[in-house]
Each structure stands twice: as structure tokens, then as C-alpha cells.
Amino acid sequence: RPMSSSAAAGAPKVKPDEASKPAPAAPLTVPETLKYHLELIERSIASKDPSLVQRVLRYANHIRKHIRTAELLEFVSSNIGNGEAGAAARALLEAAAALEPAAPAPPAGTADASPAQSSSSSSSSAAAASDAKAEKPAADADAKDVPKRKPVPLTADSAPERAMYIGLLVAGVAARLGMWEPAERHASDLVQAALQLSRRTLDPLAGRALQLMGLAAERNGHLPALQPMLLSIHRTASLRHDTCSQAVAINLVLRGMLLQRRYLPAARLIEHVEATLPLDSSAQLVRFLFAKGRVLSISADYPGADACLTQALRKAPASTGTGFKQLVQKHSIVVQLLRGIVPERVVFAGIAGSDGGDPDKRMAAALLPYLALTQAVRRGDVEAFTACMEAHRSQLEKDSTLPLVQRLRRTVIRSGLNKITRAYSAIGFADIASLLGLDSAMDAEFLCAKAISDGVIRAELDHDRGCLIASAAEDVYATARPKEEFHRRIEFCLDIHTDAVKAMRYPPGAFKKDEAALMEARQREDEEAAFAKAIEEHDVFGEEDEEDEDEMDM
């Protein structure tokens, strides 16, 4: 029966493409995600591809933040067993359950009012999605990465990797709840188990466990005491070509040295391991660059420290690691001020880069003391700089930037002296001392002489008259400074390109795909060369036979 015009006008229009699309799959719950991660670990062991384990570890932090202790306890009971490791994990989770706050109740009248309803709805949606997928296969290239709802049976060989992954989740939940001592003990047990087993499929998991153990030890206040054990782990990892544990162990040793302010041994360690240290992980590379930048800043190598801190800030993750990025930015600001460079205003607004973007309020609030220091340095006001440093001394000590900030007093004096030479053609040393807050005119004369010898100002000293005579301002474009700045920027871009080339990765066995084609091409070239040689020899012998026939005719 034909539809009336009014009904046809009110009916929604459905496109043929939309009608043929399958229903979207329901999002995985936390237990389903954990089972899928175990499947990925199984596939990694079967294919010997460590990238699958690394993909699992990328989502481990997200699961650690959102998983409930009861859910993890149930998962541990069903996947580890009743051995010693399972009993320790369950005991730790039972202790953590007492500290975990209660889950907020869902609002009334919603579809997710009860876990049973949510699980039933998700299972029905998953069944509908699987039926639609059976009718029409997906054409997307990433369809192979869609989680399979049917669990793969775990073999006996995967038990160490499975126990290691679940142990990392247990230690991470304990660390999230502030149980640092149990978290350190549990992570230490995982590291020792990985060292005894010596399985290459455990290397990424062992590196993550070692990182968690170092974090817990630092929170407990005895990270420097673990230096002998960390160096032993580094030697073992080097012999086994375990790149993950090598980088983590060296970064933890450097972190312990910096906490103890042992900058000279840290500099020697960096010089010794920098050429051979495998920094495949961007997180470990950023940590190493930050430690190197701090050591170079203490040793007064400000250009090198600025380059390392800038690289660390650029390579840091964009969405996570807020506290780490704040600390790197604070050290970068102080190092730039020591170099005589005033940071841009967008840096203190929490905007990453000068090309705009949304400001980060937490970053801007954390950089307020350094904004006041920068303003005092820019004005050359010694009194304001001293007052600001004393007001924020506790924060500077917490950030480990106080020794560098104390060196800025000379920079503040030089900045003020530079402004004075621009404003006055001749000024007495007593007036300079009063403007800069110095003790006497003799101190002002010594500072002026030092600034002239270092090339900070262009002026002359008149000791008889007791004054400073400023010279005419030079044209900066008539000097070599533009060329040096341009050369510095080119070197920076080339370094970025070199690091990008070094960081390129290829899947294992990728060269074997074209190996048969290369062998055929080489065989074809050899045959062509042999054929060409045979033709050449035939031509030579043919010419000799013709000459012999001519001689016989004669």
C-alpha cells in the first residue's frame, strides 16, 4: 500500500550506506581488556614480536588508574593460581582493598544502573556486532587489531609472561594507593624472577617492573642505596642484550646520583655510557636527556644543557607526564637566563611553542616563581631578584634549581649594567653602585672592568675621574652574530633529523620479504654477465679464425 505524502514527509530518510553498516561494537570492560592483553602476549610469544608486548604496556597505565581492586583480585585468582606468587599478589590486593575508596554510585534511571545490566547489554551488543561481522567482513586495514571476544587458551610456556604482567598491575595498583613499600617489594620480586628466567619475551615487562621498583624506592627514600644492585642488573642486561633494562637501570643510577648531588660521578657515567646506551624507548631517552642537561648545567656548560633540556621537552609526551614537563621547563628557563636569553612570554603562559595553542593552567601556575625571577633579571633589579629568591627559596630547593638561581645574581648585575651604559654616556662608579645595590664604588669598578673584558658592554674606564664612559652602540648586523645564530639553528635542525633517522624502526624480518626477489635479480645479472662474456669470447675467436683462413689463402 503506498504511503501518504504526509507520512512520507515525516519519515526519516535512511541512506543505503548507513543501512548496510554493522552495529558498532560495545566497548570492552576491564576484565575483557585484560584477557585481550593476555592474548596479545600469547601472540607475541608465538610470533617473537616484542611490539605486541610494548603495545600492551602502553595501555597498562590506563588500566592501573581505572581498575578496581576487587576486579583485579578476581582476575588474579582465576589466572595465576595458588602458588607463592599468586598468594603474595592476593595478600597485597586484599590490603589495598581496605585503602581504596568506595566506587561512586551510578545515577538513578540510567542504562548503567547495575553491573549486571551493563554486562548483559555489552554482551548482546557484542553478539550483534559479531553476527554483522560474519555477514559482511570489514574492509578496514586495522580490522586485525579488533579484540577477539573468544579467549585463546594459555599454554604453559606463557605462564612467566602472564604472571609478570599481572604482577605489574598489582604493584601499580598498590603504588596508586600510596602503598610504596609493598609495591617496591612486589616489583623487586618481579625483577629477580625475570633475571633468573632469562627469557627475551620478558625483557619489556622486566624493564617496566624495574622502573616501578625505582619509583617506589625513590618515594621510600632509599633509591641511592640500590645503586650496586642496579649496576649489576645493567651488566646482566648488557650481556643478554636486554635494551629495555639497560636504559632503565642507567637512568635510575643517574637519578640516585642527582638526588645525592654527586654531579661529578654522574658526568663520568654519562660520558662512559652515552655512546653505547640503547635508548629505543622515548620515555627513557627523555629521562636521560634531562639528567644530562642537569649535569651539564651544574658544570656551567649552559649551551649543551639548554640543547638537552630543549630536546627533552620536545620529546616528552603531550598528554601525560605533566609534573616531569614542569620540572624540565623550570630548569630550561634558569639555564636560558644563565645564557643571557630571556624566555618568551608564551612559555610562562603554559603554551607549548610560539605557534599558539591552548594554555596549560597547571604549567602557568607552576612557573609563577620563575616568571618573577625572569622579570627581575630582565630589569636588572638586584633587590627585586634577591627578594624573589628568598620568597620562593623552599620551592627552588624542591625543584633543585636553587644552586643555578644563585648564579643568576651576576647575570642580573650585568643586565643592569648593560641598561646603564645604554642610558648614560658617562656615569660615576658610586652612582653605578647605588643603582645596582653594590657595597662600594670599588666593587662597581671591578664589575665594569670584568664586563668590558667579557664583551658584555662596550665602554671605557676612566679611573682618574672615577666614571664609566660608554661607547657608541654597534650595528649587530655588521658583526658575525647573525651568521653564528643561523649556523646554530641549522645544527639544531640537522640534529633533529639525525635523531629521527636513528629512531626509525623496521619490523623484524622485513628484509626477508624481498630476499627471494633479490636473489633472482642477482642470478639474472650473473647469467647476463656470463652470456655477455660468452658472446665477447665468440667474437674474438671468430676474428682469429678469419685471420687464419686469410693466411692460408695467401
Protein backbone atom coordinates (compact mmCIF):
# COMPACT_ATOMS: atom_id res chain seq x y z
CA ARG A 1 0.00 0.00 0.00
CA PRO A 2 1.55 3.34 -0.94
CA MET A 3 2.45 5.68 1.91
CA SER A 4 0.64 9.01 2.11
CA SER A 5 2.50 12.23 1.38
CA SER A 6 2.34 13.45 4.96
CA ALA A 7 3.68 10.18 6.33
CA ALA A 8 6.39 10.13 3.71
CA ALA A 9 7.39 13.64 4.63
CA GLY A 10 7.61 12.77 8.33
CA ALA A 11 9.56 9.52 7.88
CA PRO A 12 13.31 9.73 8.42
CA LYS A 13 15.44 9.31 5.35
CA VAL A 14 17.85 6.39 5.59
CA LYS A 15 20.81 6.27 3.28
CA PRO A 16 21.58 2.89 1.72
CA ASP A 17 25.19 3.00 3.01
CA GLU A 18 24.05 3.60 6.59
CA ALA A 19 21.57 0.74 6.43
CA SER A 20 24.28 -1.73 5.40
CA LYS A 21 26.76 -0.69 8.10
CA PRO A 22 27.13 -3.14 11.03
CA ALA A 23 26.28 -2.03 14.54
CA PRO A 24 29.26 -0.61 16.45
CA ALA A 25 30.87 -3.00 18.91
CA ALA A 26 30.38 -2.32 22.59
CA PRO A 27 33.45 -1.04 24.48
CA LEU A 28 35.42 -3.68 26.30
CA THR A 29 35.13 -3.92 30.04
CA VAL A 30 38.25 -4.03 32.22
CA PRO A 31 38.28 -7.86 32.61
CA GLU A 32 37.77 -8.27 28.86
CA THR A 33 40.62 -5.84 28.19
CA LEU A 34 42.91 -7.81 30.48
CA LYS A 35 42.03 -11.04 28.69
CA TYR A 36 42.73 -9.39 25.35
CA HIS A 37 46.12 -8.24 26.64
CA LEU A 38 46.94 -11.81 27.62
CA GLU A 39 46.01 -12.86 24.09
CA LEU A 40 48.41 -10.25 22.70
CA ILE A 41 51.16 -11.60 24.94
CA GLU A 42 50.42 -15.09 23.59
CA ARG A 43 50.68 -13.79 20.02
CA SER A 44 53.93 -12.03 20.88
CA ILE A 45 55.45 -15.26 22.19
CA ALA A 46 54.28 -17.23 19.16
CA SER A 47 55.48 -14.69 16.59
CA LYS A 48 58.52 -13.47 18.60
CA ASP A 49 57.36 -9.88 18.02
CA PRO A 50 58.07 -7.67 21.08
CA SER A 51 56.00 -4.81 19.68
CA LEU A 52 52.82 -6.57 20.83
CA VAL A 53 54.05 -6.62 24.43
CA GLN A 54 55.02 -2.97 24.13
CA ARG A 55 51.52 -2.19 22.92
CA VAL A 56 50.13 -3.95 25.97
CA LEU A 57 52.41 -1.92 28.25
CA ARG A 58 51.25 1.34 26.66
CA TYR A 59 47.75 0.68 27.99
CA ALA A 60 48.90 -0.67 31.36
CA ASN A 61 48.93 2.78 33.00
CA HIS A 62 45.39 3.46 31.81
CA ILE A 63 44.17 0.16 33.28
CA ARG A 64 46.06 0.76 36.51
CA LYS A 65 44.23 4.07 37.01
CA HIS A 66 40.74 2.74 36.32
CA ILE A 67 40.69 -0.85 37.53
CA ARG A 68 39.08 -1.64 40.86
CA THR A 69 40.87 -3.77 43.43
CA ALA A 70 38.03 -6.30 43.56
CA GLU A 71 38.14 -6.77 39.78
CA LEU A 72 41.90 -7.28 39.79
CA LEU A 73 41.68 -9.66 42.75
CA GLU A 74 39.16 -11.81 40.89
CA PHE A 75 41.34 -11.73 37.76
CA VAL A 76 44.44 -12.73 39.75
CA SER A 77 42.62 -15.64 41.38
CA SER A 78 41.50 -17.02 38.01
CA ASN A 79 44.75 -16.58 36.07
CA ILE A 80 47.75 -17.00 38.38
CA GLY A 81 46.80 -19.93 40.59
CA ASN A 82 47.53 -20.83 44.18
CA GLY A 83 51.31 -20.68 44.06
CA GLU A 84 53.60 -18.44 46.06
CA ALA A 85 53.34 -15.56 43.57
CA GLY A 86 49.55 -15.79 43.49
CA ALA A 87 49.30 -15.82 47.28
CA ALA A 88 51.56 -12.75 47.58
CA ALA A 89 49.57 -10.87 44.95
CA ARG A 90 46.25 -11.70 46.59
CA ALA A 91 47.54 -10.64 50.02
CA LEU A 92 48.73 -7.33 48.62
CA LEU A 93 45.42 -6.71 46.86
CA GLU A 94 43.44 -7.55 49.99
CA ALA A 95 45.48 -4.97 51.91
CA ALA A 96 44.97 -2.44 49.11
CA ALA A 97 41.20 -3.02 49.08
CA ALA A 98 40.97 -1.59 52.59
CA LEU A 99 42.59 1.67 51.44
CA GLU A 100 40.67 2.07 48.19
CA PRO A 101 37.72 4.49 48.35
CA ALA A 102 34.27 3.17 47.55
CA ALA A 103 33.12 3.41 43.96
CA PRO A 104 30.58 6.22 43.32
CA ALA A 105 27.02 5.02 42.87
CA PRO A 106 25.63 5.42 39.32
CA PRO A 107 22.76 7.91 38.86
CA ALA A 108 19.26 6.51 39.02
CA GLY A 109 17.38 5.90 35.81
CA THR A 110 20.41 5.35 33.62
CA ALA A 111 21.15 2.35 31.48
CA ASP A 112 24.23 1.51 33.54
CA ALA A 113 22.36 1.33 36.87
CA SER A 114 23.76 -2.11 37.69
CA PRO A 115 26.79 -4.06 36.60
CA ALA A 116 24.61 -6.97 35.54
CA GLN A 117 22.61 -4.78 33.15
CA SER A 118 25.77 -3.27 31.70
CA SER A 119 27.37 -6.67 31.20
CA SER A 120 24.21 -8.07 29.58
CA SER A 121 23.86 -5.08 27.27
CA SER A 122 27.52 -5.23 26.31
CA SER A 123 27.29 -8.97 25.62
CA SER A 124 24.17 -8.52 23.44
CA SER A 125 25.82 -5.68 21.55
CA ALA A 126 28.93 -7.78 21.09
CA ALA A 127 26.84 -10.68 19.76
CA ALA A 128 25.09 -8.38 17.29
CA ALA A 129 28.41 -6.97 16.17
CA SER A 130 29.90 -10.44 15.68
CA ASP A 131 26.84 -11.54 13.63
CA ALA A 132 27.14 -8.46 11.44
CA LYS A 133 30.83 -9.11 11.00
CA ALA A 134 30.11 -12.71 9.95
CA GLU A 135 27.65 -11.50 7.31
CA LYS A 136 29.95 -8.82 5.88
CA PRO A 137 33.69 -8.73 6.61
CA ALA A 138 35.19 -5.36 7.47
CA ALA A 139 37.31 -3.70 4.82
CA ASP A 140 39.35 -1.66 7.24
CA ALA A 141 43.08 -2.33 7.31
CA ASP A 142 43.09 -2.32 11.10
CA ALA A 143 40.42 -4.99 11.39
CA LYS A 144 43.01 -7.49 12.56
CA ASP A 145 43.62 -5.38 15.68
CA VAL A 146 39.97 -5.64 16.83
CA PRO A 147 39.89 -7.58 20.13
CA LYS A 148 38.54 -11.11 19.85
CA ARG A 149 35.88 -11.97 22.40
CA LYS A 150 36.74 -15.69 22.40
CA PRO A 151 39.72 -16.21 24.75
CA VAL A 152 42.74 -18.11 23.49
CA PRO A 153 43.80 -20.98 25.75
CA LEU A 154 47.05 -20.14 27.52
CA THR A 155 49.94 -22.54 27.22
CA ALA A 156 52.39 -23.48 29.93
CA ASP A 157 55.21 -21.57 28.24
CA SER A 158 53.35 -18.27 28.64
CA ALA A 159 52.99 -18.59 32.42
CA PRO A 160 56.03 -16.36 33.25
CA GLU A 161 54.88 -13.56 30.94
CA ARG A 162 51.32 -13.83 32.21
CA ALA A 163 52.40 -13.73 35.86
CA MET A 164 54.77 -10.83 35.16
CA TYR A 165 52.06 -8.74 33.50
CA ILE A 166 49.51 -9.38 36.26
CA GLY A 167 52.20 -8.70 38.88
CA LEU A 168 52.88 -5.32 37.26
CA LEU A 169 49.19 -4.47 37.54
CA VAL A 170 49.14 -5.48 41.21
CA ALA A 171 52.24 -3.41 42.03
CA GLY A 172 50.83 -0.47 40.05
CA VAL A 173 47.56 -0.52 41.98
CA ALA A 174 49.49 -0.60 45.26
CA ALA A 175 51.57 2.38 44.12
CA ARG A 176 48.40 4.24 43.09
CA LEU A 177 47.03 3.84 46.63
CA GLY A 178 50.28 5.05 48.23
CA MET A 179 51.48 1.63 49.43
CA TRP A 180 55.05 2.26 48.29
CA GLU A 181 56.84 -0.28 50.49
CA PRO A 182 54.69 -3.29 49.42
CA ALA A 183 54.82 -2.04 45.83
CA GLU A 184 58.63 -1.93 45.97
CA ARG A 185 58.87 -5.44 47.41
CA HIS A 186 56.49 -6.85 44.83
CA ALA A 187 58.27 -5.13 41.93
CA SER A 188 61.65 -6.29 43.27
CA ASP A 189 60.39 -9.89 43.30
CA LEU A 190 59.28 -9.49 39.67
CA VAL A 191 62.70 -8.18 38.65
CA GLN A 192 64.53 -11.02 40.38
CA ALA A 193 62.23 -13.58 38.78
CA ALA A 194 62.88 -12.10 35.33
CA LEU A 195 66.65 -12.22 35.92
CA GLN A 196 66.50 -15.89 36.88
CA LEU A 197 64.34 -16.95 33.95
CA SER A 198 66.36 -15.15 31.22
CA ARG A 199 63.60 -15.08 28.59
CA ARG A 200 63.75 -12.46 25.86
CA THR A 201 59.97 -12.20 25.81
CA LEU A 202 60.18 -10.93 29.40
CA ASP A 203 62.52 -8.03 28.60
CA PRO A 204 59.88 -5.27 28.13
CA LEU A 205 57.97 -6.45 31.20
CA ALA A 206 61.17 -6.65 33.27
CA GLY A 207 62.09 -3.10 32.24
CA ARG A 208 58.71 -1.81 33.37
CA ALA A 209 59.00 -3.69 36.68
CA LEU A 210 62.46 -2.21 37.23
CA GLN A 211 61.12 1.29 36.56
CA LEU A 212 58.30 0.77 39.07
CA MET A 213 60.75 -0.56 41.65
CA GLY A 214 62.94 2.54 41.24
CA LEU A 215 59.96 4.87 41.59
CA ALA A 216 58.82 3.14 44.78
CA ALA A 217 62.37 3.18 46.18
CA GLU A 218 62.64 6.91 45.48
CA ARG A 219 59.36 7.54 47.29
CA ASN A 220 60.60 5.44 50.20
CA GLY A 221 63.83 7.48 50.30
CA HIS A 222 66.48 4.85 49.59
CA LEU A 223 66.97 4.89 45.84
CA PRO A 224 70.72 5.72 46.12
CA ALA A 225 71.19 2.57 48.22
CA LEU A 226 70.09 0.45 45.26
CA GLN A 227 72.99 1.62 43.07
CA PRO A 228 75.09 -1.61 43.38
CA MET A 229 72.08 -3.76 42.51
CA LEU A 230 71.16 -1.51 39.58
CA LEU A 231 74.69 -1.65 38.18
CA SER A 232 74.62 -5.45 38.49
CA ILE A 233 71.29 -5.54 36.65
CA HIS A 234 72.79 -3.32 33.95
CA ARG A 235 75.73 -5.67 33.47
CA THR A 236 73.42 -8.68 33.22
CA ALA A 237 71.13 -6.87 30.79
CA SER A 238 74.10 -5.86 28.65
CA LEU A 239 75.25 -9.47 28.39
CA ARG A 240 71.73 -10.57 27.43
CA HIS A 241 71.20 -7.62 25.03
CA ASP A 242 68.21 -6.51 27.06
CA THR A 243 67.96 -2.91 25.84
CA CYS A 244 64.92 -2.05 27.99
CA SER A 245 66.55 -2.93 31.32
CA GLN A 246 69.86 -1.33 30.32
CA ALA A 247 68.31 2.10 29.77
CA VAL A 248 66.09 1.90 32.86
CA ALA A 249 68.97 0.85 35.13
CA ILE A 250 71.28 3.64 33.95
CA ASN A 251 68.54 6.26 34.34
CA LEU A 252 67.80 5.06 37.86
CA VAL A 253 71.51 5.18 38.78
CA LEU A 254 71.71 8.75 37.43
CA ARG A 255 68.58 9.67 39.34
CA GLY A 256 70.09 8.39 42.58
CA MET A 257 73.33 10.33 41.97
CA LEU A 258 71.39 13.53 41.30
CA LEU A 259 69.40 13.07 44.50
CA GLN A 260 72.69 12.86 46.39
CA ARG A 261 74.13 15.78 44.34
CA ARG A 262 77.02 13.63 43.11
CA TYR A 263 77.38 15.52 39.85
CA LEU A 264 80.98 14.55 39.03
CA PRO A 265 80.35 10.75 39.13
CA ALA A 266 77.14 11.34 37.15
CA ALA A 267 79.09 13.23 34.49
CA ARG A 268 81.64 10.41 34.26
CA LEU A 269 78.88 7.81 33.97
CA ILE A 270 77.15 9.77 31.20
CA GLU A 271 80.42 10.13 29.30
CA HIS A 272 81.07 6.38 29.66
CA VAL A 273 77.67 5.01 28.60
CA GLU A 274 76.33 7.68 26.25
CA ALA A 275 77.83 6.21 23.08
CA THR A 276 76.65 2.64 23.70
CA LEU A 277 73.45 3.09 25.73
CA PRO A 278 70.42 1.81 23.76
CA LEU A 279 67.67 4.43 24.07
CA ASP A 280 64.98 2.86 21.92
CA SER A 281 62.22 3.95 24.29
CA SER A 282 61.30 7.63 24.02
CA ALA A 283 60.47 7.73 27.75
CA GLN A 284 63.96 6.54 28.72
CA LEU A 285 65.54 8.90 26.18
CA VAL A 286 63.71 11.86 27.70
CA ARG A 287 64.83 10.88 31.20
CA PHE A 288 68.43 10.51 30.07
CA LEU A 289 68.39 13.90 28.31
CA PHE A 290 67.00 15.57 31.42
CA ALA A 291 69.67 14.03 33.65
CA LYS A 292 72.39 15.02 31.19
CA GLY A 293 71.03 18.56 30.99
CA ARG A 294 71.11 18.91 34.76
CA VAL A 295 74.70 17.65 34.96
CA LEU A 296 75.84 19.99 32.19
CA SER A 297 74.11 22.96 33.80
CA ILE A 298 75.93 22.33 37.09
CA SER A 299 79.24 22.10 35.20
CA ALA A 300 78.50 25.52 33.58
CA ASP A 301 78.07 24.09 30.07
CA TYR A 302 74.94 26.13 29.51
CA PRO A 303 74.64 25.73 25.69
CA GLY A 304 74.85 21.93 25.96
CA ALA A 305 72.43 21.89 28.90
CA ASP A 306 69.99 24.10 27.02
CA ALA A 307 70.11 21.77 24.00
CA CYS A 308 69.48 18.66 26.14
CA LEU A 309 66.63 20.23 28.09
CA THR A 310 65.01 21.54 24.91
CA GLN A 311 65.21 18.09 23.32
CA ALA A 312 63.74 16.50 26.46
CA LEU A 313 60.88 18.99 26.46
CA ARG A 314 60.16 18.40 22.78
CA LYS A 315 60.26 14.60 23.07
CA ALA A 316 58.15 14.46 26.25
CA PRO A 317 54.62 13.04 25.86
CA ALA A 318 51.98 15.64 25.09
CA SER A 319 49.11 14.32 27.20
CA THR A 320 50.90 12.78 30.20
CA GLY A 321 53.89 13.49 32.41
CA THR A 322 52.73 16.95 33.50
CA GLY A 323 54.96 17.09 36.57
CA PHE A 324 58.01 15.95 34.61
CA LYS A 325 57.43 18.57 31.91
CA GLN A 326 57.05 21.27 34.56
CA LEU A 327 60.40 20.30 36.11
CA VAL A 328 62.15 20.26 32.74
CA GLN A 329 60.66 23.64 31.83
CA LYS A 330 61.85 25.18 35.11
CA HIS A 331 65.43 24.03 34.54
CA SER A 332 65.27 25.19 30.92
CA ILE A 333 64.17 28.70 31.98
CA VAL A 334 67.00 29.03 34.50
CA VAL A 335 69.60 27.76 32.01
CA GLN A 336 68.38 30.20 29.36
CA LEU A 337 68.65 33.05 31.84
CA LEU A 338 72.21 31.98 32.65
CA ARG A 339 72.97 32.11 28.92
CA GLY A 340 71.63 35.68 28.78
CA ILE A 341 68.46 34.67 26.90
CA VAL A 342 65.09 35.88 28.15
CA PRO A 343 62.40 33.20 27.54
CA GLU A 344 59.32 34.16 25.57
CA ARG A 345 56.12 35.16 27.31
CA VAL A 346 54.20 32.17 25.91
CA VAL A 347 56.46 29.82 27.89
CA PHE A 348 55.14 31.17 31.20
CA ALA A 349 51.55 31.01 29.91
CA GLY A 350 51.86 27.25 29.56
CA ILE A 351 51.71 27.27 25.76
CA ALA A 352 53.91 24.69 24.08
CA GLY A 353 55.77 26.57 21.38
CA SER A 354 55.31 30.01 19.89
CA ASP A 355 52.80 28.89 17.24
CA GLY A 356 49.86 29.15 19.62
CA GLY A 357 47.69 26.60 21.35
CA ASP A 358 45.60 26.20 24.47
CA PRO A 359 47.38 27.40 27.63
CA ASP A 360 48.07 24.91 30.39
CA LYS A 361 46.85 26.43 33.65
CA ARG A 362 48.81 23.99 35.80
CA MET A 363 52.01 24.76 33.93
CA ALA A 364 51.39 28.52 34.20
CA ALA A 365 50.75 28.26 37.96
CA ALA A 366 53.91 26.18 38.49
CA LEU A 367 56.05 28.74 36.60
CA LEU A 368 54.92 31.83 38.55
CA PRO A 369 58.09 31.98 40.76
CA TYR A 370 60.27 31.71 37.66
CA LEU A 371 58.27 34.43 35.94
CA ALA A 372 59.08 36.78 38.82
CA LEU A 373 62.76 35.80 38.62
CA THR A 374 62.79 36.41 34.86
CA GLN A 375 61.25 39.86 35.28
CA ALA A 376 63.87 40.80 37.88
CA VAL A 377 66.69 39.55 35.63
CA ARG A 378 65.28 41.39 32.63
CA ARG A 379 65.07 44.68 34.57
CA GLY A 380 68.47 44.19 36.16
CA ASP A 381 67.00 44.84 39.59
CA VAL A 382 69.24 43.19 42.17
CA GLU A 383 66.97 43.99 45.12
CA ALA A 384 63.88 42.54 43.43
CA PHE A 385 65.85 39.45 42.42
CA THR A 386 67.11 38.87 45.99
CA ALA A 387 63.63 39.35 47.44
CA CYS A 388 62.09 36.96 44.92
CA MET A 389 64.75 34.32 45.56
CA GLU A 390 64.22 34.47 49.32
CA ALA A 391 60.43 34.37 48.95
CA HIS A 392 60.49 31.22 46.82
CA ARG A 393 63.54 29.53 48.35
CA SER A 394 61.61 26.45 49.50
CA GLN A 395 60.14 25.87 46.03
CA LEU A 396 63.53 26.37 44.39
CA GLU A 397 65.10 23.84 46.75
CA LYS A 398 62.33 21.37 45.95
CA ASP A 399 62.94 21.82 42.22
CA SER A 400 66.76 21.53 42.70
CA THR A 401 67.25 24.85 40.87
CA LEU A 402 68.49 26.93 43.81
CA PRO A 403 72.23 26.50 43.01
CA LEU A 404 71.58 27.69 39.46
CA VAL A 405 69.37 30.58 40.58
CA GLN A 406 72.09 31.78 42.94
CA ARG A 407 74.40 32.07 39.93
CA LEU A 408 71.94 34.46 38.31
CA ARG A 409 72.99 37.34 40.54
CA ARG A 410 75.94 38.08 38.27
CA THR A 411 73.61 37.93 35.26
CA VAL A 412 71.25 40.41 36.94
CA ILE A 413 74.13 42.79 37.63
CA ARG A 414 75.36 42.52 34.06
CA SER A 415 71.88 43.14 32.71
CA GLY A 416 71.53 46.23 34.87
CA LEU A 417 74.99 47.42 33.83
CA ASN A 418 74.09 46.98 30.17
CA LYS A 419 71.00 49.13 30.64
CA ILE A 420 73.03 51.78 32.44
CA THR A 421 75.52 52.03 29.56
CA ARG A 422 72.64 52.45 27.13
CA ALA A 423 71.05 55.22 29.19
CA TYR A 424 74.19 57.19 30.18
CA SER A 425 77.15 58.24 28.08
CA ALA A 426 79.21 58.68 31.26
CA ILE A 427 78.36 57.75 34.85
CA GLY A 428 80.35 57.53 38.06
CA PHE A 429 81.16 54.30 39.84
CA ALA A 430 79.40 55.49 43.01
CA ASP A 431 76.19 56.03 41.06
CA ILE A 432 76.52 52.58 39.48
CA ALA A 433 76.95 51.04 42.96
CA SER A 434 73.82 52.77 44.23
CA LEU A 435 71.76 51.75 41.19
CA LEU A 436 72.85 48.11 41.30
CA GLY A 437 72.81 47.77 45.10
CA LEU A 438 76.56 47.14 45.40
CA ASP A 439 78.61 47.71 48.54
CA SER A 440 81.13 50.27 47.25
CA ALA A 441 82.32 52.15 44.17
CA MET A 442 85.38 49.90 44.02
CA ASP A 443 83.14 46.82 43.56
CA ALA A 444 81.33 48.67 40.77
CA GLU A 445 84.63 49.46 39.07
CA PHE A 446 85.76 45.83 39.23
CA LEU A 447 82.43 44.63 37.83
CA CYS A 448 82.64 47.16 34.99
CA ALA A 449 86.16 46.02 34.12
CA LYS A 450 85.08 42.37 34.12
CA ALA A 451 82.05 43.15 31.92
CA ILE A 452 84.23 45.03 29.42
CA SER A 453 86.76 42.20 29.24
CA ASP A 454 83.97 39.62 28.70
CA GLY A 455 82.41 41.70 25.94
CA VAL A 456 79.15 42.31 27.80
CA ILE A 457 79.33 46.09 27.38
CA ARG A 458 81.23 48.45 25.09
CA ALA A 459 82.71 51.13 27.32
CA GLU A 460 85.92 52.55 28.72
CA LEU A 461 87.08 53.05 32.32
CA ASP A 462 88.33 56.44 33.48
CA HIS A 463 89.99 55.68 36.79
CA ASP A 464 91.16 59.24 37.40
CA ARG A 465 87.68 60.71 37.03
CA GLY A 466 86.04 57.64 38.62
CA CYS A 467 83.48 57.10 35.87
CA LEU A 468 82.47 54.76 33.09
CA ILE A 469 82.35 56.17 29.55
CA ALA A 470 80.04 54.26 27.21
CA SER A 471 80.97 53.77 23.56
CA ALA A 472 78.66 54.16 20.60
CA ALA A 473 76.24 51.31 20.01
CA GLU A 474 77.42 48.91 17.36
CA ASP A 475 75.36 47.59 14.48
CA VAL A 476 74.72 43.94 15.28
CA TYR A 477 74.26 43.10 11.58
CA ALA A 478 77.80 44.26 10.92
CA THR A 479 79.14 41.55 13.22
CA ALA A 480 79.28 37.78 12.98
CA ARG A 481 76.36 37.23 15.36
CA PRO A 482 73.66 36.68 12.67
CA LYS A 483 75.88 34.10 10.97
CA GLU A 484 76.51 32.30 14.27
CA GLU A 485 72.81 32.27 15.13
CA PHE A 486 71.90 30.96 11.69
CA HIS A 487 74.58 28.27 12.00
CA ARG A 488 73.25 27.27 15.43
CA ARG A 489 69.71 26.85 14.09
CA ILE A 490 70.93 24.78 11.15
CA GLU A 491 72.86 22.50 13.51
CA PHE A 492 69.75 22.09 15.67
CA CYS A 493 67.64 21.06 12.66
CA LEU A 494 70.31 18.63 11.47
CA ASP A 495 70.49 17.07 14.94
CA ILE A 496 66.72 16.56 14.93
CA HIS A 497 66.95 14.90 11.51
CA THR A 498 69.77 12.64 12.70
CA ASP A 499 67.82 11.60 15.80
CA ALA A 500 64.74 10.89 13.68
CA VAL A 501 66.76 8.66 11.35
CA LYS A 502 68.28 6.80 14.31
CA ALA A 503 64.83 6.29 15.84
CA MET A 504 63.38 4.66 12.71
CA ARG A 505 62.26 1.10 13.33
CA TYR A 506 61.51 -1.74 10.99
CA PRO A 507 59.53 -4.89 11.77
CA PRO A 508 61.69 -7.95 12.39
CA GLY A 509 62.25 -9.99 9.24
CA ALA A 510 61.14 -7.20 6.89
CA PHE A 511 64.26 -7.65 4.78
CA LYS A 512 63.38 -11.29 4.15
CA LYS A 513 60.33 -10.37 2.07
CA ASP A 514 62.41 -9.16 -0.84
CA GLU A 515 65.23 -11.63 -0.29
CA ALA A 516 63.92 -14.05 -2.93
CA ALA A 517 63.46 -11.25 -5.44
CA LEU A 518 66.99 -10.01 -4.74
CA MET A 519 68.42 -13.49 -5.21
CA GLU A 520 66.58 -13.85 -8.54
CA ALA A 521 67.83 -10.43 -9.64
CA ARG A 522 71.41 -11.32 -8.73
CA GLN A 523 71.12 -14.66 -10.52
CA ARG A 524 69.73 -12.91 -13.58
CA GLU A 525 72.59 -10.40 -13.54
CA ASP A 526 75.14 -13.22 -13.25
CA GLU A 527 73.55 -15.03 -16.19
CA GLU A 528 73.54 -11.85 -18.29
CA ALA A 529 77.18 -11.20 -17.42
CA ALA A 530 78.13 -14.76 -18.33
CA PHE A 531 76.17 -14.52 -21.57
CA ALA A 532 77.86 -11.22 -22.49
CA LYS A 533 81.26 -12.72 -21.73
CA ALA A 534 80.48 -15.74 -23.91
CA ILE A 535 79.43 -13.52 -26.82
CA GLU A 536 82.61 -11.46 -26.46
CA GLU A 537 84.80 -14.56 -26.47
CA HIS A 538 82.93 -15.92 -29.51
CA ASP A 539 83.56 -12.70 -31.41
CA VAL A 540 87.29 -12.81 -30.61
CA PHE A 541 87.63 -16.43 -31.67
CA GLY A 542 85.68 -15.69 -34.84
CA GLU A 543 88.08 -12.92 -35.81
CA GLU A 544 91.10 -15.20 -35.20
CA ASP A 545 89.60 -17.94 -37.42
CA GLU A 546 89.05 -15.42 -40.25
CA GLU A 547 92.69 -14.27 -39.99
CA ASP A 548 93.91 -17.89 -40.15
CA GLU A 549 91.82 -18.53 -43.27
CA ASP A 550 93.21 -15.41 -44.96
CA GLU A 551 96.77 -16.51 -44.21
CA MET A 552 96.11 -19.98 -45.65
CA ASP A 553 94.65 -18.45 -48.83
CA MET A 554 97.72 -16.33 -49.28
